[in-house]
Amino acid sequence: MTGIDDKVFDETAIQASSVFAIREQTNNRLVAAWDAPADHFSVLRTYLGAASYVTGAHAFKFGGALSEGPRRTVEQYTGDLTLNYNNNLPSQVTFRTRRDQREAIKADVGLYAQDRWTIKRATVNAGLRFDWALRVKCSTKICRRADGTLHCIPLAST
């Protein structure tokens, strides 16, 4: 189980909550609610391979790696805002939105080849490497709370 589609937060409890975060900026003390909740789930699958051909004076090696997998980031804030105080005086209000972002590494490829020649006491080494990455943002939803109801809109979908 990867956790990619698991329920991360108890949205009903968070929507019903009237608690919000309060931060005193002089000592960075936070009370009432955590102001930076986020869960990250990811699965990275990597496949590796290599082969060598060796004779007395010559060696050749080639190989590669392929990585791929999904990633999900979920942020859900209790109360959707943080009240900031400086020396016990209100100084700032930060409103926050919920985010549910899914993306994936479709292909992260690395290929290489190495060659080595030895003649008497001299050795020559040569090599090449190719790297290529393809990342895909699957979807992002931003949500806001109004009248105790969560309203979500998709921002991007690929």
N, C-alpha and C. Protein backbone atom coordinates (compact mmCIF):
# COMPACT_ATOMS: atom_id res chain seq x y z
N MET A 1 0.84 -1.18 0.00
CA MET A 1 0.00 0.00 0.00
C MET A 1 0.88 1.25 0.00
N THR A 2 0.66 2.14 -0.91
CA THR A 2 1.52 3.31 -1.05
C THR A 2 1.03 4.51 -0.26
N GLY A 3 -0.25 4.57 0.07
CA GLY A 3 -0.78 5.74 0.74
C GLY A 3 -1.21 6.82 -0.23
N ILE A 4 -1.00 6.60 -1.52
CA ILE A 4 -1.30 7.63 -2.51
C ILE A 4 -2.78 8.03 -2.47
N ASP A 5 -3.68 7.07 -2.33
CA ASP A 5 -5.11 7.39 -2.35
C ASP A 5 -5.77 7.27 -0.98
N ASP A 6 -4.97 7.06 0.07
CA ASP A 6 -5.54 6.97 1.41
C ASP A 6 -6.08 8.32 1.86
N LYS A 7 -7.08 8.28 2.76
CA LYS A 7 -7.60 9.50 3.35
C LYS A 7 -6.55 10.00 4.35
N VAL A 8 -6.14 11.22 4.20
CA VAL A 8 -5.03 11.73 4.99
C VAL A 8 -5.51 12.45 6.24
N PHE A 9 -6.47 13.33 6.09
CA PHE A 9 -6.98 14.12 7.19
C PHE A 9 -8.45 13.80 7.41
N ASP A 10 -8.94 14.03 8.61
CA ASP A 10 -10.37 13.92 8.88
C ASP A 10 -11.01 15.25 8.50
N GLU A 11 -11.45 15.35 7.24
CA GLU A 11 -11.95 16.61 6.71
C GLU A 11 -13.20 17.10 7.44
N THR A 12 -14.05 16.18 7.89
CA THR A 12 -15.27 16.57 8.60
C THR A 12 -14.92 17.30 9.89
N ALA A 13 -13.96 16.77 10.64
CA ALA A 13 -13.56 17.40 11.90
C ALA A 13 -12.89 18.75 11.65
N ILE A 14 -12.08 18.83 10.60
CA ILE A 14 -11.40 20.08 10.30
C ILE A 14 -12.40 21.14 9.84
N GLN A 15 -13.38 20.76 9.03
CA GLN A 15 -14.39 21.72 8.57
C GLN A 15 -15.25 22.24 9.71
N ALA A 16 -15.53 21.38 10.68
CA ALA A 16 -16.38 21.78 11.80
C ALA A 16 -15.62 22.59 12.84
N SER A 17 -14.30 22.62 12.76
CA SER A 17 -13.48 23.29 13.77
C SER A 17 -13.51 24.80 13.62
N SER A 18 -13.57 25.49 14.74
CA SER A 18 -13.46 26.95 14.72
C SER A 18 -12.12 27.38 15.31
N VAL A 19 -11.21 26.42 15.47
CA VAL A 19 -9.89 26.70 16.02
C VAL A 19 -8.98 27.18 14.89
N PHE A 20 -8.12 28.15 15.20
CA PHE A 20 -7.14 28.61 14.23
C PHE A 20 -5.83 28.85 14.97
N ALA A 21 -4.76 29.02 14.21
CA ALA A 21 -3.43 29.17 14.79
C ALA A 21 -3.18 30.61 15.21
N ILE A 22 -2.49 30.77 16.34
CA ILE A 22 -2.07 32.08 16.84
C ILE A 22 -0.57 32.01 17.08
N ARG A 23 0.17 32.95 16.49
CA ARG A 23 1.63 32.95 16.62
C ARG A 23 2.09 34.29 17.20
N GLU A 24 2.94 34.21 18.23
CA GLU A 24 3.61 35.39 18.77
C GLU A 24 4.96 35.49 18.08
N GLN A 25 5.18 36.56 17.30
CA GLN A 25 6.37 36.66 16.47
C GLN A 25 7.64 36.97 17.24
N THR A 26 7.54 37.55 18.43
CA THR A 26 8.76 37.87 19.18
C THR A 26 9.49 36.62 19.66
N ASN A 27 8.74 35.55 19.98
CA ASN A 27 9.38 34.31 20.41
C ASN A 27 9.03 33.11 19.53
N ASN A 28 8.26 33.36 18.46
CA ASN A 28 7.84 32.33 17.50
C ASN A 28 7.01 31.22 18.15
N ARG A 29 6.31 31.54 19.20
CA ARG A 29 5.47 30.56 19.89
C ARG A 29 4.12 30.44 19.16
N LEU A 30 3.72 29.21 18.93
CA LEU A 30 2.48 28.90 18.23
C LEU A 30 1.53 28.22 19.21
N VAL A 31 0.29 28.69 19.24
CA VAL A 31 -0.71 28.08 20.13
C VAL A 31 -1.99 27.79 19.35
N ALA A 32 -2.80 26.92 19.89
CA ALA A 32 -4.14 26.58 19.42
C ALA A 32 -4.16 25.56 18.28
N ALA A 33 -3.44 25.78 17.19
CA ALA A 33 -3.47 24.83 16.07
C ALA A 33 -2.14 24.89 15.32
N TRP A 34 -1.77 23.78 14.75
CA TRP A 34 -0.54 23.71 13.95
C TRP A 34 -0.78 24.43 12.64
N ASP A 35 0.17 25.28 12.22
CA ASP A 35 -0.06 26.10 11.03
C ASP A 35 0.62 25.57 9.77
N ALA A 36 1.19 24.38 9.80
CA ALA A 36 1.87 23.87 8.61
C ALA A 36 1.67 22.37 8.43
N PRO A 37 0.44 21.88 8.45
CA PRO A 37 0.26 20.44 8.27
C PRO A 37 0.35 20.04 6.80
N ALA A 38 1.08 18.98 6.55
CA ALA A 38 1.18 18.46 5.19
C ALA A 38 1.57 16.99 5.27
N ASP A 39 1.03 16.20 4.39
CA ASP A 39 1.43 14.81 4.25
C ASP A 39 1.94 14.59 2.85
N HIS A 40 3.03 13.87 2.76
CA HIS A 40 3.64 13.57 1.47
C HIS A 40 3.73 12.06 1.33
N PHE A 41 3.22 11.57 0.23
CA PHE A 41 3.31 10.15 -0.08
C PHE A 41 4.02 10.02 -1.41
N SER A 42 4.97 9.12 -1.49
CA SER A 42 5.61 8.90 -2.78
C SER A 42 6.12 7.47 -2.87
N VAL A 43 6.17 7.00 -4.09
CA VAL A 43 6.73 5.69 -4.40
C VAL A 43 7.71 5.93 -5.55
N LEU A 44 8.94 5.52 -5.35
CA LEU A 44 9.94 5.65 -6.41
C LEU A 44 10.46 4.26 -6.73
N ARG A 45 10.23 3.84 -7.96
CA ARG A 45 10.73 2.55 -8.41
C ARG A 45 11.93 2.80 -9.33
N THR A 46 13.03 2.13 -9.04
CA THR A 46 14.26 2.30 -9.82
C THR A 46 14.73 0.95 -10.34
N TYR A 47 15.02 0.92 -11.62
CA TYR A 47 15.50 -0.30 -12.28
C TYR A 47 16.91 -0.02 -12.78
N LEU A 48 17.84 -0.91 -12.45
CA LEU A 48 19.24 -0.73 -12.82
C LEU A 48 19.73 -1.91 -13.65
N GLY A 49 20.69 -1.67 -14.52
CA GLY A 49 21.30 -2.75 -15.29
C GLY A 49 22.67 -2.32 -15.78
N ALA A 50 23.58 -3.28 -15.86
CA ALA A 50 24.93 -3.01 -16.36
C ALA A 50 25.53 -4.30 -16.90
N ALA A 51 26.44 -4.15 -17.85
CA ALA A 51 27.15 -5.30 -18.41
C ALA A 51 28.58 -4.87 -18.73
N SER A 52 29.49 -5.82 -18.64
CA SER A 52 30.91 -5.54 -18.90
C SER A 52 31.48 -6.57 -19.87
N TYR A 53 32.46 -6.14 -20.65
CA TYR A 53 33.23 -7.03 -21.50
C TYR A 53 34.69 -6.72 -21.22
N VAL A 54 35.44 -7.71 -20.75
CA VAL A 54 36.82 -7.48 -20.33
C VAL A 54 37.74 -8.47 -21.05
N THR A 55 38.82 -7.94 -21.64
CA THR A 55 39.91 -8.78 -22.16
C THR A 55 41.16 -8.33 -21.42
N GLY A 56 42.32 -8.83 -21.82
CA GLY A 56 43.54 -8.47 -21.11
C GLY A 56 43.83 -6.98 -21.08
N ALA A 57 43.79 -6.32 -22.23
CA ALA A 57 44.18 -4.92 -22.31
C ALA A 57 42.99 -3.98 -22.54
N HIS A 58 41.79 -4.52 -22.63
CA HIS A 58 40.63 -3.70 -22.96
C HIS A 58 39.46 -4.05 -22.06
N ALA A 59 38.73 -3.03 -21.61
CA ALA A 59 37.52 -3.26 -20.80
C ALA A 59 36.45 -2.28 -21.27
N PHE A 60 35.25 -2.79 -21.46
CA PHE A 60 34.11 -1.96 -21.89
C PHE A 60 32.95 -2.24 -20.95
N LYS A 61 32.29 -1.20 -20.50
CA LYS A 61 31.15 -1.35 -19.60
C LYS A 61 30.06 -0.38 -20.05
N PHE A 62 28.81 -0.85 -20.00
CA PHE A 62 27.68 0.02 -20.30
C PHE A 62 26.53 -0.36 -19.37
N GLY A 63 25.63 0.59 -19.19
CA GLY A 63 24.50 0.32 -18.31
C GLY A 63 23.56 1.48 -18.26
N GLY A 64 22.58 1.36 -17.38
CA GLY A 64 21.60 2.42 -17.25
C GLY A 64 20.71 2.24 -16.05
N ALA A 65 19.93 3.27 -15.80
CA ALA A 65 18.97 3.27 -14.71
C ALA A 65 17.70 3.97 -15.17
N LEU A 66 16.57 3.48 -14.72
CA LEU A 66 15.27 4.08 -15.00
C LEU A 66 14.52 4.18 -13.68
N SER A 67 14.04 5.38 -13.35
CA SER A 67 13.23 5.59 -12.14
C SER A 67 11.88 6.15 -12.56
N GLU A 68 10.83 5.74 -11.85
CA GLU A 68 9.48 6.25 -12.11
C GLU A 68 8.63 6.04 -10.87
N GLY A 69 7.54 6.83 -10.75
CA GLY A 69 6.62 6.63 -9.65
C GLY A 69 5.79 7.87 -9.34
N PRO A 70 4.70 7.69 -8.58
CA PRO A 70 3.80 8.79 -8.24
C PRO A 70 4.19 9.50 -6.94
N ARG A 71 3.67 10.73 -6.77
CA ARG A 71 3.87 11.51 -5.55
C ARG A 71 2.61 12.30 -5.27
N ARG A 72 2.25 12.42 -4.00
CA ARG A 72 1.07 13.19 -3.62
C ARG A 72 1.41 14.07 -2.41
N THR A 73 1.01 15.33 -2.47
CA THR A 73 1.17 16.27 -1.37
C THR A 73 -0.21 16.80 -0.99
N VAL A 74 -0.56 16.67 0.29
CA VAL A 74 -1.84 17.15 0.78
C VAL A 74 -1.58 18.11 1.93
N GLU A 75 -2.16 19.31 1.85
CA GLU A 75 -2.09 20.28 2.94
C GLU A 75 -3.51 20.62 3.36
N GLN A 76 -3.77 20.54 4.64
CA GLN A 76 -5.10 20.85 5.18
C GLN A 76 -4.88 21.65 6.46
N TYR A 77 -5.43 22.83 6.54
CA TYR A 77 -5.21 23.72 7.67
C TYR A 77 -6.45 23.77 8.55
N THR A 78 -6.24 23.70 9.84
CA THR A 78 -7.34 23.85 10.79
C THR A 78 -7.65 25.34 10.91
N GLY A 79 -8.87 25.72 10.63
CA GLY A 79 -9.26 27.12 10.74
C GLY A 79 -8.88 27.99 9.57
N ASP A 80 -8.04 27.51 8.67
CA ASP A 80 -7.66 28.21 7.44
C ASP A 80 -6.95 29.54 7.64
N LEU A 81 -6.55 29.89 8.86
CA LEU A 81 -5.84 31.15 9.03
C LEU A 81 -4.92 31.08 10.24
N THR A 82 -3.92 31.98 10.23
CA THR A 82 -3.01 32.16 11.35
C THR A 82 -3.03 33.63 11.72
N LEU A 83 -3.27 33.92 13.01
CA LEU A 83 -3.19 35.28 13.52
C LEU A 83 -1.79 35.49 14.08
N ASN A 84 -1.11 36.51 13.59
CA ASN A 84 0.25 36.81 14.05
C ASN A 84 0.22 38.03 14.95
N TYR A 85 0.91 37.94 16.09
CA TYR A 85 1.02 39.02 17.04
C TYR A 85 2.49 39.37 17.20
N ASN A 86 2.77 40.65 17.49
CA ASN A 86 4.11 41.11 17.78
C ASN A 86 4.04 41.91 19.06
N ASN A 87 4.70 41.42 20.11
CA ASN A 87 4.60 42.02 21.45
C ASN A 87 3.15 42.14 21.90
N ASN A 88 2.40 41.08 21.70
CA ASN A 88 0.99 40.98 22.10
C ASN A 88 0.07 41.95 21.36
N LEU A 89 0.52 42.52 20.25
CA LEU A 89 -0.33 43.38 19.43
C LEU A 89 -0.54 42.69 18.08
N PRO A 90 -1.79 42.68 17.58
CA PRO A 90 -2.04 42.03 16.28
C PRO A 90 -1.23 42.69 15.17
N SER A 91 -0.56 41.87 14.34
CA SER A 91 0.27 42.44 13.29
C SER A 91 -0.06 41.90 11.90
N GLN A 92 -0.60 40.68 11.82
CA GLN A 92 -0.81 40.09 10.50
C GLN A 92 -1.80 38.93 10.60
N VAL A 93 -2.58 38.75 9.53
CA VAL A 93 -3.44 37.59 9.40
C VAL A 93 -3.06 36.88 8.11
N THR A 94 -2.80 35.57 8.21
CA THR A 94 -2.45 34.78 7.04
C THR A 94 -3.58 33.81 6.75
N PHE A 95 -4.23 33.95 5.60
CA PHE A 95 -5.28 33.03 5.18
C PHE A 95 -4.64 31.92 4.36
N ARG A 96 -5.10 30.70 4.57
CA ARG A 96 -4.51 29.56 3.90
C ARG A 96 -5.59 28.78 3.13
N THR A 97 -5.17 28.14 2.06
CA THR A 97 -6.07 27.29 1.30
C THR A 97 -5.56 25.86 1.34
N ARG A 98 -6.48 24.94 1.21
CA ARG A 98 -6.15 23.51 1.19
C ARG A 98 -5.59 23.18 -0.19
N ARG A 99 -4.62 22.26 -0.23
CA ARG A 99 -4.02 21.86 -1.51
C ARG A 99 -3.91 20.34 -1.54
N ASP A 100 -4.29 19.78 -2.67
CA ASP A 100 -4.12 18.35 -2.92
C ASP A 100 -3.46 18.23 -4.29
N GLN A 101 -2.17 17.96 -4.30
CA GLN A 101 -1.41 17.95 -5.55
C GLN A 101 -0.88 16.54 -5.82
N ARG A 102 -1.10 16.09 -7.03
CA ARG A 102 -0.60 14.78 -7.47
C ARG A 102 0.29 14.99 -8.68
N GLU A 103 1.44 14.36 -8.64
CA GLU A 103 2.37 14.45 -9.75
C GLU A 103 3.13 13.13 -9.84
N ALA A 104 3.92 13.00 -10.87
CA ALA A 104 4.62 11.73 -11.05
C ALA A 104 5.92 11.94 -11.81
N ILE A 105 6.86 11.08 -11.55
CA ILE A 105 8.06 10.97 -12.38
C ILE A 105 7.73 9.89 -13.39
N LYS A 106 7.55 10.31 -14.63
CA LYS A 106 7.19 9.36 -15.67
C LYS A 106 8.42 8.58 -16.12
N ALA A 107 9.55 9.27 -16.22
CA ALA A 107 10.80 8.61 -16.60
C ALA A 107 11.97 9.48 -16.17
N ASP A 108 12.89 8.89 -15.45
CA ASP A 108 14.15 9.53 -15.11
C ASP A 108 15.22 8.52 -15.55
N VAL A 109 15.83 8.79 -16.68
CA VAL A 109 16.70 7.81 -17.34
C VAL A 109 18.14 8.29 -17.31
N GLY A 110 19.05 7.37 -17.02
CA GLY A 110 20.48 7.63 -17.11
C GLY A 110 21.15 6.46 -17.83
N LEU A 111 21.87 6.72 -18.89
CA LEU A 111 22.59 5.69 -19.65
C LEU A 111 24.06 6.07 -19.69
N TYR A 112 24.93 5.08 -19.62
CA TYR A 112 26.36 5.37 -19.66
C TYR A 112 27.12 4.27 -20.41
N ALA A 113 28.32 4.65 -20.88
CA ALA A 113 29.24 3.70 -21.50
C ALA A 113 30.66 4.14 -21.13
N GLN A 114 31.48 3.18 -20.77
CA GLN A 114 32.86 3.44 -20.38
C GLN A 114 33.78 2.50 -21.16
N ASP A 115 34.94 2.98 -21.51
CA ASP A 115 35.90 2.15 -22.22
C ASP A 115 37.29 2.41 -21.60
N ARG A 116 38.09 1.34 -21.47
CA ARG A 116 39.43 1.48 -20.90
C ARG A 116 40.40 0.65 -21.72
N TRP A 117 41.51 1.28 -22.13
CA TRP A 117 42.56 0.58 -22.84
C TRP A 117 43.84 0.68 -22.02
N THR A 118 44.56 -0.42 -21.94
CA THR A 118 45.85 -0.42 -21.25
C THR A 118 46.91 -0.93 -22.22
N ILE A 119 47.95 -0.13 -22.41
CA ILE A 119 49.09 -0.52 -23.24
C ILE A 119 50.34 -0.31 -22.39
N LYS A 120 50.98 -1.41 -22.08
CA LYS A 120 52.15 -1.44 -21.17
C LYS A 120 51.75 -0.78 -19.85
N ARG A 121 52.33 0.37 -19.52
CA ARG A 121 52.01 1.01 -18.23
C ARG A 121 51.09 2.20 -18.40
N ALA A 122 50.55 2.43 -19.58
CA ALA A 122 49.65 3.57 -19.83
C ALA A 122 48.22 3.07 -19.94
N THR A 123 47.32 3.81 -19.32
CA THR A 123 45.89 3.48 -19.37
C THR A 123 45.11 4.70 -19.84
N VAL A 124 44.20 4.48 -20.76
CA VAL A 124 43.33 5.55 -21.27
C VAL A 124 41.89 5.17 -20.92
N ASN A 125 41.19 6.11 -20.30
CA ASN A 125 39.78 5.92 -19.94
C ASN A 125 38.92 6.92 -20.70
N ALA A 126 37.77 6.47 -21.17
CA ALA A 126 36.82 7.37 -21.83
C ALA A 126 35.41 6.95 -21.42
N GLY A 127 34.52 7.92 -21.36
CA GLY A 127 33.15 7.60 -20.97
C GLY A 127 32.17 8.62 -21.47
N LEU A 128 30.94 8.18 -21.61
CA LEU A 128 29.82 9.04 -22.00
C LEU A 128 28.64 8.78 -21.07
N ARG A 129 27.85 9.81 -20.82
CA ARG A 129 26.65 9.65 -20.00
C ARG A 129 25.54 10.51 -20.59
N PHE A 130 24.33 9.94 -20.57
CA PHE A 130 23.13 10.64 -21.05
C PHE A 130 22.08 10.58 -19.95
N ASP A 131 21.53 11.73 -19.58
CA ASP A 131 20.46 11.80 -18.58
C ASP A 131 19.25 12.49 -19.18
N TRP A 132 18.08 11.98 -18.85
CA TRP A 132 16.82 12.55 -19.35
C TRP A 132 15.75 12.36 -18.29
N ALA A 133 14.97 13.40 -18.04
CA ALA A 133 13.91 13.32 -17.03
C ALA A 133 12.61 13.84 -17.60
N LEU A 134 11.52 13.14 -17.30
CA LEU A 134 10.18 13.55 -17.70
C LEU A 134 9.30 13.47 -16.47
N ARG A 135 8.86 14.62 -16.00
CA ARG A 135 7.98 14.68 -14.84
C ARG A 135 6.62 15.19 -15.29
N VAL A 136 5.58 14.65 -14.70
CA VAL A 136 4.22 14.99 -15.10
C VAL A 136 3.46 15.46 -13.87
N LYS A 137 2.82 16.62 -13.96
CA LYS A 137 1.93 17.08 -12.90
C LYS A 137 0.54 16.57 -13.25
N CYS A 138 0.03 15.67 -12.44
CA CYS A 138 -1.25 15.03 -12.75
C CYS A 138 -2.42 15.96 -12.45
N SER A 139 -2.47 16.50 -11.25
CA SER A 139 -3.58 17.39 -10.90
C SER A 139 -3.26 18.16 -9.64
N THR A 140 -3.87 19.33 -9.52
CA THR A 140 -3.78 20.13 -8.31
C THR A 140 -5.17 20.71 -8.04
N LYS A 141 -5.62 20.55 -6.80
CA LYS A 141 -6.89 21.15 -6.38
C LYS A 141 -6.61 22.11 -5.25
N ILE A 142 -7.20 23.30 -5.33
CA ILE A 142 -7.14 24.28 -4.26
C ILE A 142 -8.55 24.41 -3.70
N CYS A 143 -8.65 24.39 -2.39
CA CYS A 143 -9.97 24.43 -1.76
C CYS A 143 -10.06 25.59 -0.79
N ARG A 144 -11.27 26.09 -0.61
CA ARG A 144 -11.53 27.11 0.40
C ARG A 144 -12.78 26.71 1.16
N ARG A 145 -12.89 27.24 2.35
CA ARG A 145 -14.03 26.93 3.18
C ARG A 145 -14.96 28.13 3.26
N ALA A 146 -16.23 27.92 3.01
CA ALA A 146 -17.23 28.98 3.12
C ALA A 146 -18.49 28.39 3.71
N ASP A 147 -19.02 29.01 4.71
CA ASP A 147 -20.24 28.55 5.37
C ASP A 147 -20.12 27.10 5.85
N GLY A 148 -18.93 26.72 6.30
CA GLY A 148 -18.74 25.37 6.81
C GLY A 148 -18.64 24.30 5.73
N THR A 149 -18.60 24.71 4.46
CA THR A 149 -18.53 23.75 3.36
C THR A 149 -17.21 23.93 2.62
N LEU A 150 -16.62 22.82 2.22
CA LEU A 150 -15.37 22.86 1.48
C LEU A 150 -15.67 22.95 -0.01
N HIS A 151 -15.15 24.00 -0.68
CA HIS A 151 -15.32 24.20 -2.11
C HIS A 151 -13.98 24.03 -2.79
N CYS A 152 -13.85 23.07 -3.72
CA CYS A 152 -12.57 22.78 -4.38
C CYS A 152 -12.67 23.08 -5.87
N ILE A 153 -11.58 23.61 -6.41
CA ILE A 153 -11.49 23.82 -7.85
C ILE A 153 -10.18 23.22 -8.35
N PRO A 154 -10.21 22.51 -9.46
CA PRO A 154 -8.96 21.99 -10.02
C PRO A 154 -8.19 23.11 -10.71
N LEU A 155 -6.88 23.18 -10.46
CA LEU A 155 -6.05 24.21 -11.09
C LEU A 155 -5.38 23.72 -12.35
N ALA A 156 -4.91 22.49 -12.33
CA ALA A 156 -4.20 21.96 -13.49
C ALA A 156 -4.46 20.47 -13.60
N SER A 157 -4.49 20.01 -14.80
CA SER A 157 -4.65 18.58 -15.04
C SER A 157 -3.91 18.23 -16.30
N THR A 158 -3.02 17.24 -16.19
CA THR A 158 -2.25 16.84 -17.38
C THR A 158 -2.29 15.34 -17.52
